Amino acid sequence: AGRSTRIGGDETVGLVQSLLGAGAVDVVVAGWPVHDAT
């Protein structure tokens, strides 16, 4: 969920950018695949 893609300059597109753009004050995400139980 925390992965993003650079689209030009240093602008990034991803879930985090969308959540912050929608007004969230803080966001917790995973930077890689997660293990169900842990």
PDB file of all heavy atoms in Angstrom:
ATOM      1  N   ALA A   1       0.821  -1.215   0.000  1.00  0.00           N
ATOM      2  CA  ALA A   1       0.000   0.000   0.000  1.00  0.00           C
ATOM      3  C   ALA A   1       0.852   1.261   0.000  1.00  0.00           C
ATOM      4  O   ALA A   1       0.397   2.319  -0.430  1.00  0.00           O
ATOM      5  CB  ALA A   1      -0.943   0.002   1.202  1.00  0.00           C
ATOM      6  N   GLY A   2       2.093   1.159   0.473  1.00  0.00           N
ATOM      7  CA  GLY A   2       2.950   2.335   0.536  1.00  0.00           C
ATOM      8  C   GLY A   2       3.800   2.558  -0.692  1.00  0.00           C
ATOM      9  O   GLY A   2       4.550   3.542  -0.757  1.00  0.00           O
ATOM     10  N   ARG A   3       3.703   1.683  -1.679  1.00  0.00           N
ATOM     11  CA  ARG A   3       4.508   1.864  -2.885  1.00  0.00           C
ATOM     12  C   ARG A   3       3.975   3.028  -3.712  1.00  0.00           C
ATOM     13  O   ARG A   3       2.776   3.296  -3.732  1.00  0.00           O
ATOM     14  CB  ARG A   3       4.519   0.596  -3.735  1.00  0.00           C
ATOM     15  CG  ARG A   3       5.291  -0.551  -3.111  1.00  0.00           C
ATOM     16  CD  ARG A   3       5.492  -1.670  -4.111  1.00  0.00           C
ATOM     17  NE  ARG A   3       6.177  -2.800  -3.519  1.00  0.00           N
ATOM     18  CZ  ARG A   3       7.511  -2.922  -3.464  1.00  0.00           C
ATOM     19  NH1 ARG A   3       8.276  -1.950  -3.951  1.00  0.00           N
ATOM     20  NH2 ARG A   3       8.067  -3.987  -2.924  1.00  0.00           N
ATOM     21  N   SER A   4       4.867   3.709  -4.395  1.00  0.00           N
ATOM     22  CA  SER A   4       4.454   4.810  -5.262  1.00  0.00           C
ATOM     23  C   SER A   4       5.309   4.786  -6.521  1.00  0.00           C
ATOM     24  O   SER A   4       6.357   4.128  -6.568  1.00  0.00           O
ATOM     25  CB  SER A   4       4.595   6.158  -4.548  1.00  0.00           C
ATOM     26  OG  SER A   4       5.933   6.378  -4.148  1.00  0.00           O
ATOM     27  N   THR A   5       4.866   5.513  -7.526  1.00  0.00           N
ATOM     28  CA  THR A   5       5.567   5.585  -8.803  1.00  0.00           C
ATOM     29  C   THR A   5       5.860   7.036  -9.116  1.00  0.00           C
ATOM     30  O   THR A   5       4.971   7.887  -9.003  1.00  0.00           O
ATOM     31  CB  THR A   5       4.709   4.979  -9.932  1.00  0.00           C
ATOM     32  OG1 THR A   5       4.416   3.610  -9.609  1.00  0.00           O
ATOM     33  CG2 THR A   5       5.441   5.043 -11.263  1.00  0.00           C
ATOM     34  N   ARG A   6       7.102   7.322  -9.504  1.00  0.00           N
ATOM     35  CA  ARG A   6       7.448   8.689  -9.906  1.00  0.00           C
ATOM     36  C   ARG A   6       6.986   8.923 -11.335  1.00  0.00           C
ATOM     37  O   ARG A   6       7.194   8.100 -12.214  1.00  0.00           O
ATOM     38  CB  ARG A   6       8.954   8.913  -9.786  1.00  0.00           C
ATOM     39  CG  ARG A   6       9.401   9.172  -8.352  1.00  0.00           C
ATOM     40  CD  ARG A   6      10.875   9.537  -8.302  1.00  0.00           C
ATOM     41  NE  ARG A   6      11.711   8.387  -8.613  1.00  0.00           N
ATOM     42  CZ  ARG A   6      12.927   8.465  -9.108  1.00  0.00           C
ATOM     43  NH1 ARG A   6      13.457   9.647  -9.401  1.00  0.00           N
ATOM     44  NH2 ARG A   6      13.634   7.378  -9.341  1.00  0.00           N
ATOM     45  N   ILE A   7       6.364  10.074 -11.567  1.00  0.00           N
ATOM     46  CA  ILE A   7       5.796  10.343 -12.890  1.00  0.00           C
ATOM     47  C   ILE A   7       6.426  11.548 -13.559  1.00  0.00           C
ATOM     48  O   ILE A   7       6.021  11.954 -14.626  1.00  0.00           O
ATOM     49  CB  ILE A   7       4.276  10.560 -12.794  1.00  0.00           C
ATOM     50  CG1 ILE A   7       3.951  11.720 -11.837  1.00  0.00           C
ATOM     51  CG2 ILE A   7       3.577   9.290 -12.362  1.00  0.00           C
ATOM     52  CD1 ILE A   7       2.490  12.104 -11.848  1.00  0.00           C
ATOM     53  N   GLY A   8       7.440  12.131 -12.970  1.00  0.00           N
ATOM     54  CA  GLY A   8       8.075  13.302 -13.566  1.00  0.00           C
ATOM     55  C   GLY A   8       8.578  14.203 -12.468  1.00  0.00           C
ATOM     56  O   GLY A   8       7.898  14.397 -11.454  1.00  0.00           O
ATOM     57  N   GLY A   9       9.794  14.760 -12.665  1.00  0.00           N
ATOM     58  CA  GLY A   9      10.385  15.536 -11.587  1.00  0.00           C
ATOM     59  C   GLY A   9      10.517  14.627 -10.383  1.00  0.00           C
ATOM     60  O   GLY A   9      11.049  13.523 -10.478  1.00  0.00           O
ATOM     61  N   ASP A  10      10.000  15.054  -9.240  1.00  0.00           N
ATOM     62  CA  ASP A  10       9.982  14.178  -8.079  1.00  0.00           C
ATOM     63  C   ASP A  10       8.553  13.969  -7.595  1.00  0.00           C
ATOM     64  O   ASP A  10       8.316  13.692  -6.429  1.00  0.00           O
ATOM     65  CB  ASP A  10      10.848  14.762  -6.954  1.00  0.00           C
ATOM     66  CG  ASP A  10      11.371  13.678  -6.024  1.00  0.00           C
ATOM     67  OD1 ASP A  10      11.746  12.604  -6.519  1.00  0.00           O
ATOM     68  OD2 ASP A  10      11.379  13.903  -4.799  1.00  0.00           O
ATOM     69  N   GLU A  11       7.582  14.116  -8.507  1.00  0.00           N
ATOM     70  CA  GLU A  11       6.193  13.862  -8.159  1.00  0.00           C
ATOM     71  C   GLU A  11       5.945  12.360  -8.131  1.00  0.00           C
ATOM     72  O   GLU A  11       6.446  11.620  -8.969  1.00  0.00           O
ATOM     73  CB  GLU A  11       5.257  14.521  -9.175  1.00  0.00           C
ATOM     74  CG  GLU A  11       5.299  16.038  -9.163  1.00  0.00           C
ATOM     75  CD  GLU A  11       4.850  16.605  -7.821  1.00  0.00           C
ATOM     76  OE1 GLU A  11       3.851  16.114  -7.274  1.00  0.00           O
ATOM     77  OE2 GLU A  11       5.515  17.521  -7.318  1.00  0.00           O
ATOM     78  N   THR A  12       5.163  11.914  -7.162  1.00  0.00           N
ATOM     79  CA  THR A  12       4.855  10.499  -7.032  1.00  0.00           C
ATOM     80  C   THR A  12       3.343  10.290  -7.041  1.00  0.00           C
ATOM     81  O   THR A  12       2.576  11.167  -6.651  1.00  0.00           O
ATOM     82  CB  THR A  12       5.431   9.919  -5.723  1.00  0.00           C
ATOM     83  OG1 THR A  12       4.956  10.693  -4.614  1.00  0.00           O
ATOM     84  CG2 THR A  12       6.952   9.938  -5.747  1.00  0.00           C
ATOM     85  N   VAL A  13       2.944   9.116  -7.513  1.00  0.00           N
ATOM     86  CA  VAL A  13       1.539   8.721  -7.545  1.00  0.00           C
ATOM     87  C   VAL A  13       1.405   7.415  -6.794  1.00  0.00           C
ATOM     88  O   VAL A  13       2.194   6.490  -6.983  1.00  0.00           O
ATOM     89  CB  VAL A  13       1.038   8.558  -8.994  1.00  0.00           C
ATOM     90  CG1 VAL A  13      -0.381   8.002  -9.004  1.00  0.00           C
ATOM     91  CG2 VAL A  13       1.077   9.879  -9.731  1.00  0.00           C
ATOM     92  N   GLY A  14       0.406   7.330  -5.932  1.00  0.00           N
ATOM     93  CA  GLY A  14       0.167   6.100  -5.197  1.00  0.00           C
ATOM     94  C   GLY A  14      -0.954   6.297  -4.205  1.00  0.00           C
ATOM     95  O   GLY A  14      -1.571   7.360  -4.126  1.00  0.00           O
ATOM     96  N   LEU A  15      -1.205   5.270  -3.425  1.00  0.00           N
ATOM     97  CA  LEU A  15      -2.304   5.307  -2.468  1.00  0.00           C
ATOM     98  C   LEU A  15      -2.086   6.375  -1.399  1.00  0.00           C
ATOM     99  O   LEU A  15      -3.026   7.077  -1.003  1.00  0.00           O
ATOM    100  CB  LEU A  15      -2.454   3.924  -1.828  1.00  0.00           C
ATOM    101  CG  LEU A  15      -3.696   3.691  -0.982  1.00  0.00           C
ATOM    102  CD1 LEU A  15      -4.955   3.790  -1.832  1.00  0.00           C
ATOM    103  CD2 LEU A  15      -3.618   2.325  -0.305  1.00  0.00           C
ATOM    104  N   VAL A  16      -0.853   6.508  -0.919  1.00  0.00           N
ATOM    105  CA  VAL A  16      -0.580   7.497   0.127  1.00  0.00           C
ATOM    106  C   VAL A  16      -0.903   8.902  -0.358  1.00  0.00           C
ATOM    107  O   VAL A  16      -1.561   9.689   0.341  1.00  0.00           O
ATOM    108  CB  VAL A  16       0.894   7.414   0.574  1.00  0.00           C
ATOM    109  CG1 VAL A  16       1.242   8.575   1.497  1.00  0.00           C
ATOM    110  CG2 VAL A  16       1.161   6.099   1.270  1.00  0.00           C
ATOM    111  N   GLN A  17      -0.455   9.235  -1.560  1.00  0.00           N
ATOM    112  CA  GLN A  17      -0.698  10.575  -2.091  1.00  0.00           C
ATOM    113  C   GLN A  17      -2.195  10.847  -2.213  1.00  0.00           C
ATOM    114  O   GLN A  17      -2.657  11.956  -1.948  1.00  0.00           O
ATOM    115  CB  GLN A  17      -0.007  10.736  -3.441  1.00  0.00           C
ATOM    116  CG  GLN A  17       1.513  10.801  -3.381  1.00  0.00           C
ATOM    117  CD  GLN A  17       2.165   9.454  -3.116  1.00  0.00           C
ATOM    118  OE1 GLN A  17       1.538   8.400  -3.268  1.00  0.00           O
ATOM    119  NE2 GLN A  17       3.427   9.461  -2.729  1.00  0.00           N
ATOM    120  N   SER A  18      -2.967   9.819  -2.595  1.00  0.00           N
ATOM    121  CA  SER A  18      -4.412  10.002  -2.725  1.00  0.00           C
ATOM    122  C   SER A  18      -5.072  10.215  -1.372  1.00  0.00           C
ATOM    123  O   SER A  18      -5.966  11.056  -1.222  1.00  0.00           O
ATOM    124  CB  SER A  18      -5.031   8.797  -3.431  1.00  0.00           C
ATOM    125  OG  SER A  18      -4.594   8.719  -4.767  1.00  0.00           O
ATOM    126  N   LEU A  19      -4.659   9.464  -0.364  1.00  0.00           N
ATOM    127  CA  LEU A  19      -5.244   9.609   0.969  1.00  0.00           C
ATOM    128  C   LEU A  19      -4.914  10.975   1.568  1.00  0.00           C
ATOM    129  O   LEU A  19      -5.786  11.636   2.157  1.00  0.00           O
ATOM    130  CB  LEU A  19      -4.741   8.489   1.877  1.00  0.00           C
ATOM    131  CG  LEU A  19      -5.271   7.090   1.551  1.00  0.00           C
ATOM    132  CD1 LEU A  19      -4.481   6.032   2.293  1.00  0.00           C
ATOM    133  CD2 LEU A  19      -6.757   6.978   1.895  1.00  0.00           C
ATOM    134  N   LEU A  20      -3.664  11.415   1.406  1.00  0.00           N
ATOM    135  CA  LEU A  20      -3.295  12.735   1.916  1.00  0.00           C
ATOM    136  C   LEU A  20      -4.018  13.832   1.139  1.00  0.00           C
ATOM    137  O   LEU A  20      -4.458  14.830   1.713  1.00  0.00           O
ATOM    138  CB  LEU A  20      -1.780  12.929   1.830  1.00  0.00           C
ATOM    139  CG  LEU A  20      -0.937  12.017   2.716  1.00  0.00           C
ATOM    140  CD1 LEU A  20       0.554  12.286   2.485  1.00  0.00           C
ATOM    141  CD2 LEU A  20      -1.279  12.202   4.185  1.00  0.00           C
ATOM    142  N   GLY A  21      -4.142  13.636  -0.175  1.00  0.00           N
ATOM    143  CA  GLY A  21      -4.852  14.615  -0.985  1.00  0.00           C
ATOM    144  C   GLY A  21      -6.320  14.723  -0.615  1.00  0.00           C
ATOM    145  O   GLY A  21      -6.940  15.776  -0.782  1.00  0.00           O
ATOM    146  N   ALA A  22      -6.888  13.613  -0.099  1.00  0.00           N
ATOM    147  CA  ALA A  22      -8.291  13.627   0.330  1.00  0.00           C
ATOM    148  C   ALA A  22      -8.474  14.263   1.695  1.00  0.00           C
ATOM    149  O   ALA A  22      -9.609  14.421   2.145  1.00  0.00           O
ATOM    150  CB  ALA A  22      -8.839  12.201   0.336  1.00  0.00           C
ATOM    151  N   GLY A  23      -7.348  14.621   2.360  1.00  0.00           N
ATOM    152  CA  GLY A  23      -7.438  15.346   3.620  1.00  0.00           C
ATOM    153  C   GLY A  23      -6.955  14.624   4.852  1.00  0.00           C
ATOM    154  O   GLY A  23      -7.028  15.174   5.960  1.00  0.00           O
ATOM    155  N   ALA A  24      -6.455  13.376   4.717  1.00  0.00           N
ATOM    156  CA  ALA A  24      -5.985  12.640   5.894  1.00  0.00           C
ATOM    157  C   ALA A  24      -4.833  13.372   6.577  1.00  0.00           C
ATOM    158  O   ALA A  24      -4.011  14.012   5.910  1.00  0.00           O
ATOM    159  CB  ALA A  24      -5.548  11.230   5.494  1.00  0.00           C
ATOM    160  N   VAL A  25      -4.759  13.266   7.904  1.00  0.00           N
ATOM    161  CA  VAL A  25      -3.671  13.928   8.630  1.00  0.00           C
ATOM    162  C   VAL A  25      -2.473  13.005   8.821  1.00  0.00           C
ATOM    163  O   VAL A  25      -1.345  13.475   8.968  1.00  0.00           O
ATOM    164  CB  VAL A  25      -4.139  14.453  10.006  1.00  0.00           C
ATOM    165  CG1 VAL A  25      -5.110  15.594   9.848  1.00  0.00           C
ATOM    166  CG2 VAL A  25      -4.755  13.339  10.841  1.00  0.00           C
ATOM    167  N   ASP A  26      -2.712  11.703   8.859  1.00  0.00           N
ATOM    168  CA  ASP A  26      -1.591  10.755   8.888  1.00  0.00           C
ATOM    169  C   ASP A  26      -2.066   9.418   8.340  1.00  0.00           C
ATOM    170  O   ASP A  26      -3.248   9.085   8.386  1.00  0.00           O
ATOM    171  CB  ASP A  26      -0.945  10.614  10.270  1.00  0.00           C
ATOM    172  CG  ASP A  26      -1.948  10.451  11.396  1.00  0.00           C
ATOM    173  OD1 ASP A  26      -3.137  10.241  11.111  1.00  0.00           O
ATOM    174  OD2 ASP A  26      -1.536  10.517  12.567  1.00  0.00           O
ATOM    175  N   VAL A  27      -1.104   8.662   7.792  1.00  0.00           N
ATOM    176  CA  VAL A  27      -1.416   7.421   7.081  1.00  0.00           C
ATOM    177  C   VAL A  27      -0.376   6.372   7.450  1.00  0.00           C
ATOM    178  O   VAL A  27       0.825   6.658   7.445  1.00  0.00           O
ATOM    179  CB  VAL A  27      -1.400   7.644   5.547  1.00  0.00           C
ATOM    180  CG1 VAL A  27      -1.676   6.336   4.815  1.00  0.00           C
ATOM    181  CG2 VAL A  27      -2.414   8.705   5.140  1.00  0.00           C
ATOM    182  N   VAL A  28      -0.821   5.173   7.754  1.00  0.00           N
ATOM    183  CA  VAL A  28       0.067   4.027   7.985  1.00  0.00           C
ATOM    184  C   VAL A  28      -0.138   3.036   6.846  1.00  0.00           C
ATOM    185  O   VAL A  28      -1.274   2.643   6.566  1.00  0.00           O
ATOM    186  CB  VAL A  28      -0.235   3.348   9.337  1.00  0.00           C
ATOM    187  CG1 VAL A  28       0.552   2.036   9.460  1.00  0.00           C
ATOM    188  CG2 VAL A  28       0.120   4.265  10.490  1.00  0.00           C
ATOM    189  N   VAL A  29       0.949   2.641   6.200  1.00  0.00           N
ATOM    190  CA  VAL A  29       0.879   1.703   5.078  1.00  0.00           C
ATOM    191  C   VAL A  29       2.064   0.751   5.139  1.00  0.00           C
ATOM    192  O   VAL A  29       3.021   0.981   5.872  1.00  0.00           O
ATOM    193  CB  VAL A  29       0.913   2.446   3.720  1.00  0.00           C
ATOM    194  CG1 VAL A  29      -0.380   3.193   3.464  1.00  0.00           C
ATOM    195  CG2 VAL A  29       2.098   3.400   3.652  1.00  0.00           C
ATOM    196  N   ALA A  30       1.991  -0.314   4.336  1.00  0.00           N
ATOM    197  CA  ALA A  30       3.094  -1.270   4.226  1.00  0.00           C
ATOM    198  C   ALA A  30       3.884  -0.986   2.963  1.00  0.00           C
ATOM    199  O   ALA A  30       3.314  -0.740   1.907  1.00  0.00           O
ATOM    200  CB  ALA A  30       2.546  -2.702   4.187  1.00  0.00           C
ATOM    201  N   GLY A  31       5.204  -1.052   3.076  1.00  0.00           N
ATOM    202  CA  GLY A  31       6.069  -0.767   1.942  1.00  0.00           C
ATOM    203  C   GLY A  31       6.371  -1.971   1.086  1.00  0.00           C
ATOM    204  O   GLY A  31       7.009  -1.833   0.036  1.00  0.00           O
ATOM    205  N   TRP A  32       5.914  -3.154   1.490  1.00  0.00           N
ATOM    206  CA  TRP A  32       6.185  -4.375   0.737  1.00  0.00           C
ATOM    207  C   TRP A  32       5.115  -5.404   1.083  1.00  0.00           C
ATOM    208  O   TRP A  32       4.218  -5.120   1.889  1.00  0.00           O
ATOM    209  CB  TRP A  32       7.591  -4.911   1.032  1.00  0.00           C
ATOM    210  CG  TRP A  32       7.965  -5.006   2.486  1.00  0.00           C
ATOM    211  CD1 TRP A  32       7.630  -6.005   3.350  1.00  0.00           C
ATOM    212  CD2 TRP A  32       8.747  -4.074   3.249  1.00  0.00           C
ATOM    213  NE1 TRP A  32       8.149  -5.760   4.597  1.00  0.00           N
ATOM    214  CE2 TRP A  32       8.840  -4.576   4.561  1.00  0.00           C
ATOM    215  CE3 TRP A  32       9.380  -2.876   2.943  1.00  0.00           C
ATOM    216  CZ2 TRP A  32       9.544  -3.914   5.570  1.00  0.00           C
ATOM    217  CZ3 TRP A  32      10.078  -2.214   3.946  1.00  0.00           C
ATOM    218  CH2 TRP A  32      10.159  -2.730   5.239  1.00  0.00           C
ATOM    219  N   PRO A  33       5.145  -6.607   0.522  1.00  0.00           N
ATOM    220  CA  PRO A  33       4.128  -7.610   0.839  1.00  0.00           C
ATOM    221  C   PRO A  33       4.095  -7.929   2.334  1.00  0.00           C
ATOM    222  O   PRO A  33       5.134  -7.971   2.996  1.00  0.00           O
ATOM    223  CB  PRO A  33       4.569  -8.836   0.027  1.00  0.00           C
ATOM    224  CG  PRO A  33       5.324  -8.256  -1.124  1.00  0.00           C
ATOM    225  CD  PRO A  33       6.047  -7.069  -0.556  1.00  0.00           C
ATOM    226  N   VAL A  34       2.890  -8.138   2.850  1.00  0.00           N
ATOM    227  CA  VAL A  34       2.738  -8.372   4.285  1.00  0.00           C
ATOM    228  C   VAL A  34       2.345  -9.814   4.556  1.00  0.00           C
ATOM    229  O   VAL A  34       1.799 -10.509   3.698  1.00  0.00           O
ATOM    230  CB  VAL A  34       1.686  -7.423   4.895  1.00  0.00           C
ATOM    231  CG1 VAL A  34       2.093  -5.978   4.699  1.00  0.00           C
ATOM    232  CG2 VAL A  34       0.301  -7.668   4.311  1.00  0.00           C
ATOM    233  N   HIS A  35       2.639 -10.252   5.760  1.00  0.00           N
ATOM    234  CA  HIS A  35       2.305 -11.593   6.212  1.00  0.00           C
ATOM    235  C   HIS A  35       1.004 -11.509   6.996  1.00  0.00           C
ATOM    236  O   HIS A  35       0.840 -10.654   7.861  1.00  0.00           O
ATOM    237  CB  HIS A  35       3.442 -12.131   7.087  1.00  0.00           C
ATOM    238  CG  HIS A  35       3.276 -13.559   7.492  1.00  0.00           C
ATOM    239  ND1 HIS A  35       2.418 -13.954   8.493  1.00  0.00           N
ATOM    240  CD2 HIS A  35       3.859 -14.691   7.027  1.00  0.00           C
ATOM    241  CE1 HIS A  35       2.491 -15.264   8.639  1.00  0.00           C
ATOM    242  NE2 HIS A  35       3.349 -15.732   7.761  1.00  0.00           N
ATOM    243  N   ASP A  36       0.067 -12.385   6.691  1.00  0.00           N
ATOM    244  CA  ASP A  36      -1.276 -12.300   7.248  1.00  0.00           C
ATOM    245  C   ASP A  36      -1.267 -12.266   8.779  1.00  0.00           C
ATOM    246  O   ASP A  36      -1.833 -11.365   9.402  1.00  0.00           O
ATOM    247  CB  ASP A  36      -2.090 -13.492   6.749  1.00  0.00           C
ATOM    248  CG  ASP A  36      -3.591 -13.206   6.709  1.00  0.00           C
ATOM    249  OD1 ASP A  36      -3.980 -12.030   6.661  1.00  0.00           O
ATOM    250  OD2 ASP A  36      -4.371 -14.174   6.749  1.00  0.00           O
ATOM    251  N   ALA A  37      -0.625 -13.255   9.406  1.00  0.00           N
ATOM    252  CA  ALA A  37      -0.698 -13.381  10.859  1.00  0.00           C
ATOM    253  C   ALA A  37       0.105 -12.294  11.569  1.00  0.00           C
ATOM    254  O   ALA A  37      -0.358 -11.703  12.551  1.00  0.00           O
ATOM    255  CB  ALA A  37      -0.204 -14.766  11.286  1.00  0.00           C
ATOM    256  N   THR A  38       1.326 -12.004  11.094  1.00  0.00           N
ATOM    257  CA  THR A  38       2.134 -11.001  11.782  1.00  0.00           C
ATOM    258  C   THR A  38       1.550  -9.601  11.600  1.00  0.00           C
ATOM    259  O   THR A  38       1.673  -8.744  12.475  1.00  0.00           O
ATOM    260  CB  THR A  38       3.595 -11.026  11.299  1.00  0.00           C
ATOM    261  OG1 THR A  38       3.626 -10.845   9.884  1.00  0.00           O
ATOM    262  CG2 THR A  38       4.263 -12.335  11.647  1.00  0.00           C
TER     263      THR A  38
END
